[in-house]
Amino acid sequence: KKTLHTLIDRHEVLRTRLSMFDGDVCQMITKHYELPFKQYDLSTLDEAQRQRQIQILYKEEANSIFDLTTDIMLRIRLLKLANCDYIVLYTMHHIASDGWSMAILLREFRTLYRAYSQGGTNPLSSLTIQYADYAQWQRGWLQGELLKNLLHYWREQLSGLASVHQLPLDRSRPTKPTFEGKIHQQHITKELTCEINELCKKHEVTLFMFLETAFASLLSHYSQVKDIAIGTAVAGRMHRDIEPLIGFFVNSLVIRTDFSDKVTFSELLKKN
């Protein structure tokens, strides 16, 4: 628990709550909080019962929502399987973390736990800034003429796009979107992976550029639409001081591909 308290005290974003003030959302950083920590002893169960209970707790934790006005942004559950065998479930709200943040959390947790278990003190160097400092800087930067120019640029770049995709559906489009989705995984062979990597080298593109172009081509083929827009996430950690911070620094970028000229796949790679 000492390790978790140190992490939450160290990263203000993990103990930040969001409240409305004069019509705007404001960050409220709390100094006093109750550690959201639960323990479960599964060591007395047989293996089949233990695995069932683990899956129940996984789903229960995954389906537990955060109240952004009252909760801190991190929850922990400790599952004891045997005397020296544990599972730790960490849940961070996405509004306070990104993929980079998960690596920071695990790295700092290991460092602190090792130090504290050996009777040592906190070995981590102090953070020079916090996420709120970054948010304040970004709000101050994106305003005035700069914001006006950026909005003008993106409105021009995205003008004429359809409001919804034209992919054929297996059922009628609902009048109100539900935002429900599923994950479908499909593995490709090692041989095909090598061939794709060779094509990337040949055309001097990254694997992401190749796969994005292939995906856009697929969408165009099935929808019969010649103007395809795909949103992708881009990292926003552009300064050294924010590299050690837990927080949400990701931005979204729209990649627009024009198929109206009947270009070849190789030509599309060069354009993208």
C-alpha atoms as a PDB file:
ATOM      1  CA  LYS A   1       0.000   0.000   0.000  1.00  0.00           C
ATOM      2  CA  LYS A   2       2.912   2.344   0.662  1.00  0.00           C
ATOM      3  CA  THR A   3       4.072   1.893  -2.934  1.00  0.00           C
ATOM      4  CA  LEU A   4       0.603   2.729  -4.276  1.00  0.00           C
ATOM      5  CA  HIS A   5       0.275   5.775  -2.041  1.00  0.00           C
ATOM      6  CA  THR A   6       3.650   7.029  -3.268  1.00  0.00           C
ATOM      7  CA  LEU A   7       2.613   6.588  -6.910  1.00  0.00           C
ATOM      8  CA  ILE A   8      -0.698   8.396  -6.441  1.00  0.00           C
ATOM      9  CA  ASP A   9       0.937  11.197  -4.461  1.00  0.00           C
ATOM     10  CA  ARG A  10       3.679  11.495  -7.092  1.00  0.00           C
ATOM     11  CA  HIS A  11       1.338  11.750 -10.098  1.00  0.00           C
ATOM     12  CA  GLU A  12      -1.329  14.375  -9.449  1.00  0.00           C
ATOM     13  CA  VAL A  13      -3.375  13.218 -12.438  1.00  0.00           C
ATOM     14  CA  LEU A  14      -4.178   9.964 -10.593  1.00  0.00           C
ATOM     15  CA  ARG A  15      -5.867  11.937  -7.803  1.00  0.00           C
ATOM     16  CA  THR A  16      -7.553  14.468 -10.036  1.00  0.00           C
ATOM     17  CA  ARG A  17     -11.337  14.734 -10.146  1.00  0.00           C
ATOM     18  CA  LEU A  18     -13.323  16.591 -12.775  1.00  0.00           C
ATOM     19  CA  SER A  19     -16.041  19.084 -11.886  1.00  0.00           C
ATOM     20  CA  MET A  20     -18.138  21.656 -13.735  1.00  0.00           C
ATOM     21  CA  PHE A  21     -17.452  25.308 -12.894  1.00  0.00           C
ATOM     22  CA  ASP A  22     -19.226  28.124 -14.751  1.00  0.00           C
ATOM     23  CA  GLY A  23     -19.967  25.764 -17.628  1.00  0.00           C
ATOM     24  CA  ASP A  24     -16.382  24.521 -17.984  1.00  0.00           C
ATOM     25  CA  VAL A  25     -14.780  21.268 -16.847  1.00  0.00           C
ATOM     26  CA  CYS A  26     -12.116  21.891 -14.212  1.00  0.00           C
ATOM     27  CA  GLN A  27      -9.445  19.664 -12.721  1.00  0.00           C
ATOM     28  CA  MET A  28      -9.688  19.331  -8.943  1.00  0.00           C
ATOM     29  CA  ILE A  29      -6.516  17.818  -7.475  1.00  0.00           C
ATOM     30  CA  THR A  30      -7.180  16.226  -4.091  1.00  0.00           C
ATOM     31  CA  LYS A  31      -4.632  15.668  -1.336  1.00  0.00           C
ATOM     32  CA  HIS A  32      -6.900  13.433   0.720  1.00  0.00           C
ATOM     33  CA  TYR A  33      -8.234  10.218  -0.777  1.00  0.00           C
ATOM     34  CA  GLU A  34      -9.122   6.680   0.172  1.00  0.00           C
ATOM     35  CA  LEU A  35      -6.930   4.129  -1.558  1.00  0.00           C
ATOM     36  CA  PRO A  36      -9.190   2.075  -3.886  1.00  0.00           C
ATOM     37  CA  PHE A  37      -7.586  -1.243  -2.949  1.00  0.00           C
ATOM     38  CA  LYS A  38      -9.346  -4.610  -2.573  1.00  0.00           C
ATOM     39  CA  GLN A  39      -7.899  -7.991  -1.615  1.00  0.00           C
ATOM     40  CA  TYR A  40      -9.252 -11.445  -2.464  1.00  0.00           C
ATOM     41  CA  ASP A  41      -7.973 -14.733  -1.049  1.00  0.00           C
ATOM     42  CA  LEU A  42      -8.478 -17.492  -3.632  1.00  0.00           C
ATOM     43  CA  SER A  43      -5.862 -19.824  -2.196  1.00  0.00           C
ATOM     44  CA  THR A  44      -8.418 -22.141  -0.517  1.00  0.00           C
ATOM     45  CA  LEU A  45     -10.210 -22.890  -3.823  1.00  0.00           C
ATOM     46  CA  ASP A  46      -9.373 -25.779  -6.103  1.00  0.00           C
ATOM     47  CA  GLU A  47      -7.846 -24.953  -9.492  1.00  0.00           C
ATOM     48  CA  ALA A  48     -11.116 -25.003 -11.445  1.00  0.00           C
ATOM     49  CA  GLN A  49     -12.909 -22.842  -8.888  1.00  0.00           C
ATOM     50  CA  ARG A  50      -9.945 -20.472  -8.728  1.00  0.00           C
ATOM     51  CA  GLN A  51      -9.882 -19.948 -12.490  1.00  0.00           C
ATOM     52  CA  ARG A  52     -13.636 -19.315 -12.572  1.00  0.00           C
ATOM     53  CA  GLN A  53     -13.351 -16.779  -9.764  1.00  0.00           C
ATOM     54  CA  ILE A  54     -10.431 -15.024 -11.491  1.00  0.00           C
ATOM     55  CA  GLN A  55     -12.529 -14.610 -14.641  1.00  0.00           C
ATOM     56  CA  ILE A  56     -15.469 -13.302 -12.595  1.00  0.00           C
ATOM     57  CA  LEU A  57     -13.240 -10.711 -10.903  1.00  0.00           C
ATOM     58  CA  TYR A  58     -11.655  -9.747 -14.244  1.00  0.00           C
ATOM     59  CA  LYS A  59     -15.062  -9.049 -15.777  1.00  0.00           C
ATOM     60  CA  GLU A  60     -16.354  -7.337 -12.649  1.00  0.00           C
ATOM     61  CA  GLU A  61     -13.387  -4.972 -12.580  1.00  0.00           C
ATOM     62  CA  ALA A  62     -13.522  -4.298 -16.315  1.00  0.00           C
ATOM     63  CA  ASN A  63     -17.220  -3.403 -16.087  1.00  0.00           C
ATOM     64  CA  SER A  64     -16.888  -1.162 -13.020  1.00  0.00           C
ATOM     65  CA  ILE A  65     -17.211   2.479 -14.042  1.00  0.00           C
ATOM     66  CA  PHE A  66     -15.388   5.516 -12.668  1.00  0.00           C
ATOM     67  CA  ASP A  67     -17.269   8.488 -11.284  1.00  0.00           C
ATOM     68  CA  LEU A  68     -15.008  11.277 -12.525  1.00  0.00           C
ATOM     69  CA  THR A  69     -16.417  13.724  -9.965  1.00  0.00           C
ATOM     70  CA  THR A  70     -15.607  11.614  -6.886  1.00  0.00           C
ATOM     71  CA  ASP A  71     -13.189   8.796  -7.752  1.00  0.00           C
ATOM     72  CA  ILE A  72      -9.454   8.951  -8.203  1.00  0.00           C
ATOM     73  CA  MET A  73      -8.213   7.580 -11.510  1.00  0.00           C
ATOM     74  CA  LEU A  74      -6.620   4.318 -10.320  1.00  0.00           C
ATOM     75  CA  ARG A  75      -8.084   1.143  -8.815  1.00  0.00           C
ATOM     76  CA  ILE A  76      -6.205  -1.939  -7.618  1.00  0.00           C
ATOM     77  CA  ARG A  77      -7.326  -5.465  -6.809  1.00  0.00           C
ATOM     78  CA  LEU A  78      -4.949  -8.043  -5.331  1.00  0.00           C
ATOM     79  CA  LEU A  79      -5.820 -11.707  -5.920  1.00  0.00           C
ATOM     80  CA  LYS A  80      -3.985 -14.227  -3.748  1.00  0.00           C
ATOM     81  CA  LEU A  81      -3.629 -17.577  -5.511  1.00  0.00           C
ATOM     82  CA  ALA A  82      -1.058 -19.126  -3.136  1.00  0.00           C
ATOM     83  CA  ASN A  83       1.459 -17.960  -0.530  1.00  0.00           C
ATOM     84  CA  CYS A  84       3.873 -16.659  -3.173  1.00  0.00           C
ATOM     85  CA  ASP A  85       1.521 -16.380  -6.140  1.00  0.00           C
ATOM     86  CA  TYR A  86      -0.564 -13.251  -6.712  1.00  0.00           C
ATOM     87  CA  ILE A  87      -2.355 -11.417  -9.490  1.00  0.00           C
ATOM     88  CA  VAL A  88      -2.589  -7.621  -9.353  1.00  0.00           C
ATOM     89  CA  LEU A  89      -5.306  -5.894 -11.381  1.00  0.00           C
ATOM     90  CA  TYR A  90      -4.584  -2.250 -12.197  1.00  0.00           C
ATOM     91  CA  THR A  91      -7.349  -0.140 -13.715  1.00  0.00           C
ATOM     92  CA  MET A  92      -6.599   3.422 -14.809  1.00  0.00           C
ATOM     93  CA  HIS A  93      -9.179   5.622 -16.484  1.00  0.00           C
ATOM     94  CA  HIS A  94      -8.185   6.506 -20.043  1.00  0.00           C
ATOM     95  CA  ILE A  95      -8.798  10.209 -19.360  1.00  0.00           C
ATOM     96  CA  ALA A  96      -5.738  10.115 -17.088  1.00  0.00           C
ATOM     97  CA  SER A  97      -3.460   7.718 -18.958  1.00  0.00           C
ATOM     98  CA  ASP A  98      -2.268   6.370 -22.290  1.00  0.00           C
ATOM     99  CA  GLY A  99      -0.199   3.397 -23.404  1.00  0.00           C
ATOM    100  CA  TRP A 100       3.052   5.125 -22.441  1.00  0.00           C
ATOM    101  CA  SER A 101       1.604   5.757 -18.964  1.00  0.00           C
ATOM    102  CA  MET A 102       1.109   2.037 -18.326  1.00  0.00           C
ATOM    103  CA  ALA A 103       4.827   1.427 -18.792  1.00  0.00           C
ATOM    104  CA  ILE A 104       5.608   4.271 -16.363  1.00  0.00           C
ATOM    105  CA  LEU A 105       3.202   2.895 -13.764  1.00  0.00           C
ATOM    106  CA  LEU A 106       4.652  -0.619 -13.874  1.00  0.00           C
ATOM    107  CA  ARG A 107       8.267   0.560 -13.943  1.00  0.00           C
ATOM    108  CA  GLU A 108       7.852   2.908 -10.997  1.00  0.00           C
ATOM    109  CA  PHE A 109       5.783   0.355  -9.058  1.00  0.00           C
ATOM    110  CA  ARG A 110       8.576  -2.228  -9.373  1.00  0.00           C
ATOM    111  CA  THR A 111      11.227   0.316  -8.387  1.00  0.00           C
ATOM    112  CA  LEU A 112       9.324   1.529  -5.336  1.00  0.00           C
ATOM    113  CA  TYR A 113       8.236  -1.941  -4.202  1.00  0.00           C
ATOM    114  CA  ARG A 114      11.800  -3.229  -4.398  1.00  0.00           C
ATOM    115  CA  ALA A 115      13.127  -0.267  -2.411  1.00  0.00           C
ATOM    116  CA  TYR A 116      10.423  -0.346   0.268  1.00  0.00           C
ATOM    117  CA  SER A 117      10.556  -4.137   0.700  1.00  0.00           C
ATOM    118  CA  GLN A 118      14.271  -3.805   1.464  1.00  0.00           C
ATOM    119  CA  GLY A 119      13.697  -1.051   3.999  1.00  0.00           C
ATOM    120  CA  GLY A 120      14.834   1.731   1.702  1.00  0.00           C
ATOM    121  CA  THR A 121      13.361   5.094   0.787  1.00  0.00           C
ATOM    122  CA  ASN A 122      11.806   6.434  -2.404  1.00  0.00           C
ATOM    123  CA  PRO A 123      14.579   6.291  -5.061  1.00  0.00           C
ATOM    124  CA  LEU A 124      12.619   8.113  -7.786  1.00  0.00           C
ATOM    125  CA  SER A 125      13.700  11.622  -8.745  1.00  0.00           C
ATOM    126  CA  SER A 126      11.117  14.382  -8.305  1.00  0.00           C
ATOM    127  CA  LEU A 127       8.923  15.394 -11.223  1.00  0.00           C
ATOM    128  CA  THR A 128       9.554  18.902 -12.512  1.00  0.00           C
ATOM    129  CA  ILE A 129       5.979  19.409 -13.788  1.00  0.00           C
ATOM    130  CA  GLN A 130       2.571  17.757 -13.497  1.00  0.00           C
ATOM    131  CA  TYR A 131      -0.158  16.989 -16.033  1.00  0.00           C
ATOM    132  CA  ALA A 132      -2.135  20.062 -14.957  1.00  0.00           C
ATOM    133  CA  ASP A 133       0.851  22.226 -15.946  1.00  0.00           C
ATOM    134  CA  TYR A 134       0.813  20.648 -19.410  1.00  0.00           C
ATOM    135  CA  ALA A 135      -2.953  21.127 -19.732  1.00  0.00           C
ATOM    136  CA  GLN A 136      -2.666  24.779 -18.720  1.00  0.00           C
ATOM    137  CA  TRP A 137       0.162  25.356 -21.204  1.00  0.00           C
ATOM    138  CA  GLN A 138      -1.789  23.709 -24.026  1.00  0.00           C
ATOM    139  CA  ARG A 139      -4.924  25.745 -23.262  1.00  0.00           C
ATOM    140  CA  GLY A 140      -2.870  28.937 -23.244  1.00  0.00           C
ATOM    141  CA  TRP A 141      -1.089  28.015 -26.469  1.00  0.00           C
ATOM    142  CA  LEU A 142      -4.137  26.951 -28.503  1.00  0.00           C
ATOM    143  CA  GLN A 143      -6.007  30.233 -28.704  1.00  0.00           C
ATOM    144  CA  GLY A 144      -6.184  33.414 -30.690  1.00  0.00           C
ATOM    145  CA  GLU A 145      -4.750  33.575 -34.193  1.00  0.00           C
ATOM    146  CA  LEU A 146      -2.959  30.226 -33.880  1.00  0.00           C
ATOM    147  CA  LEU A 147      -6.169  28.364 -33.040  1.00  0.00           C
ATOM    148  CA  LYS A 148      -8.024  30.199 -35.807  1.00  0.00           C
ATOM    149  CA  ASN A 149      -5.418  29.203 -38.390  1.00  0.00           C
ATOM    150  CA  LEU A 150      -5.349  25.577 -37.264  1.00  0.00           C
ATOM    151  CA  LEU A 151      -9.131  25.272 -37.385  1.00  0.00           C
ATOM    152  CA  HIS A 152      -9.173  26.849 -40.832  1.00  0.00           C
ATOM    153  CA  TYR A 153      -6.538  24.404 -42.079  1.00  0.00           C
ATOM    154  CA  TRP A 154      -8.339  21.294 -40.819  1.00  0.00           C
ATOM    155  CA  ARG A 155     -11.739  22.463 -42.016  1.00  0.00           C
ATOM    156  CA  GLU A 156     -10.269  22.793 -45.495  1.00  0.00           C
ATOM    157  CA  GLN A 157      -8.511  19.422 -45.287  1.00  0.00           C
ATOM    158  CA  LEU A 158     -11.665  17.620 -44.135  1.00  0.00           C
ATOM    159  CA  SER A 159     -14.244  19.477 -46.211  1.00  0.00           C
ATOM    160  CA  GLY A 160     -16.582  17.345 -48.281  1.00  0.00           C
ATOM    161  CA  LEU A 161     -16.268  14.203 -46.159  1.00  0.00           C
ATOM    162  CA  ALA A 162     -19.419  12.133 -45.665  1.00  0.00           C
ATOM    163  CA  SER A 163     -20.847  12.254 -42.143  1.00  0.00           C
ATOM    164  CA  VAL A 164     -21.040   8.431 -41.941  1.00  0.00           C
ATOM    165  CA  HIS A 165     -19.268   5.599 -43.719  1.00  0.00           C
ATOM    166  CA  GLN A 166     -20.887   3.754 -46.612  1.00  0.00           C
ATOM    167  CA  LEU A 167     -19.759   0.230 -45.775  1.00  0.00           C
ATOM    168  CA  PRO A 168     -22.431  -2.422 -46.387  1.00  0.00           C
ATOM    169  CA  LEU A 169     -24.033  -3.440 -43.084  1.00  0.00           C
ATOM    170  CA  ASP A 170     -25.597  -6.711 -42.000  1.00  0.00           C
ATOM    171  CA  ARG A 171     -28.487  -4.875 -40.336  1.00  0.00           C
ATOM    172  CA  SER A 172     -30.237  -1.507 -40.461  1.00  0.00           C
ATOM    173  CA  ARG A 173     -28.326   1.471 -39.109  1.00  0.00           C
ATOM    174  CA  PRO A 174     -29.843   2.462 -35.720  1.00  0.00           C
ATOM    175  CA  THR A 175     -31.326   5.923 -35.356  1.00  0.00           C
ATOM    176  CA  LYS A 176     -29.254   6.405 -32.216  1.00  0.00           C
ATOM    177  CA  PRO A 177     -25.650   5.116 -32.143  1.00  0.00           C
ATOM    178  CA  THR A 178     -24.753   2.757 -29.294  1.00  0.00           C
ATOM    179  CA  PHE A 179     -20.938   2.838 -29.697  1.00  0.00           C
ATOM    180  CA  GLU A 180     -20.834  -0.873 -28.907  1.00  0.00           C
ATOM    181  CA  GLY A 181     -18.096  -2.805 -30.626  1.00  0.00           C
ATOM    182  CA  LYS A 182     -16.138  -6.011 -30.670  1.00  0.00           C
ATOM    183  CA  ILE A 183     -12.554  -7.063 -31.306  1.00  0.00           C
ATOM    184  CA  HIS A 184     -11.779  -9.489 -34.105  1.00  0.00           C
ATOM    185  CA  GLN A 185      -8.294 -10.938 -34.291  1.00  0.00           C
ATOM    186  CA  GLN A 186      -6.797 -12.494 -37.377  1.00  0.00           C
ATOM    187  CA  HIS A 187      -3.237 -13.773 -37.500  1.00  0.00           C
ATOM    188  CA  ILE A 188      -1.062 -13.700 -40.588  1.00  0.00           C
ATOM    189  CA  THR A 189       1.708 -16.151 -41.304  1.00  0.00           C
ATOM    190  CA  LYS A 190       5.371 -15.524 -40.685  1.00  0.00           C
ATOM    191  CA  GLU A 191       6.021 -15.832 -44.416  1.00  0.00           C
ATOM    192  CA  LEU A 192       3.449 -13.149 -45.287  1.00  0.00           C
ATOM    193  CA  THR A 193       4.862 -10.893 -42.558  1.00  0.00           C
ATOM    194  CA  CYS A 194       8.323 -11.187 -44.127  1.00  0.00           C
ATOM    195  CA  GLU A 195       6.910 -10.373 -47.571  1.00  0.00           C
ATOM    196  CA  ILE A 196       5.160  -7.275 -46.207  1.00  0.00           C
ATOM    197  CA  ASN A 197       8.353  -6.107 -44.523  1.00  0.00           C
ATOM    198  CA  GLU A 198      10.246  -6.563 -47.781  1.00  0.00           C
ATOM    199  CA  LEU A 199       7.647  -4.462 -49.623  1.00  0.00           C
ATOM    200  CA  CYS A 200       7.991  -1.754 -46.971  1.00  0.00           C
ATOM    201  CA  LYS A 201      11.734  -1.651 -47.563  1.00  0.00           C
ATOM    202  CA  LYS A 202      11.264  -1.604 -51.320  1.00  0.00           C
ATOM    203  CA  HIS A 203       8.864   1.354 -51.219  1.00  0.00           C
ATOM    204  CA  GLU A 204      10.689   3.048 -48.312  1.00  0.00           C
ATOM    205  CA  VAL A 205       7.630   3.215 -46.074  1.00  0.00           C
ATOM    206  CA  THR A 206       6.950   2.167 -42.502  1.00  0.00           C
ATOM    207  CA  LEU A 207       4.848  -0.855 -41.605  1.00  0.00           C
ATOM    208  CA  PHE A 208       2.145   1.509 -40.321  1.00  0.00           C
ATOM    209  CA  MET A 209       2.018   3.363 -43.658  1.00  0.00           C
ATOM    210  CA  PHE A 210       1.721   0.072 -45.536  1.00  0.00           C
ATOM    211  CA  LEU A 211      -1.065  -1.324 -43.340  1.00  0.00           C
ATOM    212  CA  GLU A 212      -2.978   1.965 -43.273  1.00  0.00           C
ATOM    213  CA  THR A 213      -2.929   2.140 -47.074  1.00  0.00           C
ATOM    214  CA  ALA A 214      -4.018  -1.483 -47.314  1.00  0.00           C
ATOM    215  CA  PHE A 215      -6.884  -0.843 -44.878  1.00  0.00           C
ATOM    216  CA  ALA A 216      -8.000   2.251 -46.784  1.00  0.00           C
ATOM    217  CA  SER A 217      -7.940   0.269 -50.036  1.00  0.00           C
ATOM    218  CA  LEU A 218     -10.091  -2.421 -48.448  1.00  0.00           C
ATOM    219  CA  LEU A 219     -12.625   0.123 -47.182  1.00  0.00           C
ATOM    220  CA  SER A 220     -12.809   1.766 -50.598  1.00  0.00           C
ATOM    221  CA  HIS A 221     -13.323  -1.583 -52.310  1.00  0.00           C
ATOM    222  CA  TYR A 222     -16.213  -2.707 -50.109  1.00  0.00           C
ATOM    223  CA  SER A 223     -17.907   0.696 -49.789  1.00  0.00           C
ATOM    224  CA  GLN A 224     -17.324   1.805 -53.415  1.00  0.00           C
ATOM    225  CA  VAL A 225     -16.322   5.190 -51.980  1.00  0.00           C
ATOM    226  CA  LYS A 226     -13.309   6.968 -53.493  1.00  0.00           C
ATOM    227  CA  ASP A 227     -12.660   9.305 -50.557  1.00  0.00           C
ATOM    228  CA  ILE A 228     -11.600   7.396 -47.423  1.00  0.00           C
ATOM    229  CA  ALA A 229     -10.791   8.992 -44.068  1.00  0.00           C
ATOM    230  CA  ILE A 230      -9.277   6.989 -41.207  1.00  0.00           C
ATOM    231  CA  GLY A 231      -8.610   8.304 -37.726  1.00  0.00           C
ATOM    232  CA  THR A 232      -5.442   7.254 -35.916  1.00  0.00           C
ATOM    233  CA  ALA A 233      -3.855   8.091 -32.596  1.00  0.00           C
ATOM    234  CA  VAL A 234      -0.544   9.960 -32.430  1.00  0.00           C
ATOM    235  CA  ALA A 235       1.704  10.436 -29.427  1.00  0.00           C
ATOM    236  CA  GLY A 236       1.786  13.945 -28.008  1.00  0.00           C
ATOM    237  CA  ARG A 237       4.845  13.787 -25.753  1.00  0.00           C
ATOM    238  CA  MET A 238       6.894  16.413 -27.536  1.00  0.00           C
ATOM    239  CA  HIS A 239       9.045  17.583 -24.611  1.00  0.00           C
ATOM    240  CA  ARG A 240      11.484  15.751 -22.350  1.00  0.00           C
ATOM    241  CA  ASP A 241       9.836  16.974 -19.143  1.00  0.00           C
ATOM    242  CA  ILE A 242       6.549  15.217 -19.904  1.00  0.00           C
ATOM    243  CA  GLU A 243       8.113  11.854 -20.772  1.00  0.00           C
ATOM    244  CA  PRO A 244       8.032  10.601 -17.128  1.00  0.00           C
ATOM    245  CA  LEU A 245       4.444  11.755 -16.521  1.00  0.00           C
ATOM    246  CA  ILE A 246       1.382   9.557 -16.266  1.00  0.00           C
ATOM    247  CA  GLY A 247      -1.349  11.274 -18.286  1.00  0.00           C
ATOM    248  CA  PHE A 248      -3.284  11.332 -21.540  1.00  0.00           C
ATOM    249  CA  PHE A 249      -1.093  12.973 -24.172  1.00  0.00           C
ATOM    250  CA  VAL A 250      -2.544  11.283 -27.263  1.00  0.00           C
ATOM    251  CA  ASN A 251      -4.029  13.281 -30.125  1.00  0.00           C
ATOM    252  CA  SER A 252      -6.112  12.071 -33.062  1.00  0.00           C
ATOM    253  CA  LEU A 253      -5.075  12.521 -36.685  1.00  0.00           C
ATOM    254  CA  VAL A 254      -7.253  12.025 -39.772  1.00  0.00           C
ATOM    255  CA  ILE A 255      -5.569  10.346 -42.748  1.00  0.00           C
ATOM    256  CA  ARG A 256      -7.476  10.973 -45.980  1.00  0.00           C
ATOM    257  CA  THR A 257      -6.864   8.837 -49.073  1.00  0.00           C
ATOM    258  CA  ASP A 258      -8.162   9.715 -52.548  1.00  0.00           C
ATOM    259  CA  PHE A 259      -8.920   6.777 -54.861  1.00  0.00           C
ATOM    260  CA  SER A 260     -10.614   8.811 -57.598  1.00  0.00           C
ATOM    261  CA  ASP A 261      -7.636   8.677 -59.993  1.00  0.00           C
ATOM    262  CA  LYS A 262      -7.507   4.854 -60.073  1.00  0.00           C
ATOM    263  CA  VAL A 263      -3.962   4.892 -58.749  1.00  0.00           C
ATOM    264  CA  THR A 264      -2.051   1.700 -58.083  1.00  0.00           C
ATOM    265  CA  PHE A 265      -1.247   0.515 -54.577  1.00  0.00           C
ATOM    266  CA  SER A 266       2.407   1.476 -55.061  1.00  0.00           C
ATOM    267  CA  GLU A 267       1.391   4.995 -56.066  1.00  0.00           C
ATOM    268  CA  LEU A 268      -0.842   5.257 -53.005  1.00  0.00           C
ATOM    269  CA  LEU A 269       2.097   4.336 -50.775  1.00  0.00           C
ATOM    270  CA  LYS A 270       4.085   7.228 -52.226  1.00  0.00           C
ATOM    271  CA  LYS A 271       1.160   9.656 -51.755  1.00  0.00           C
ATOM    272  CA  ASN A 272       0.554   8.648 -48.138  1.00  0.00           C
END
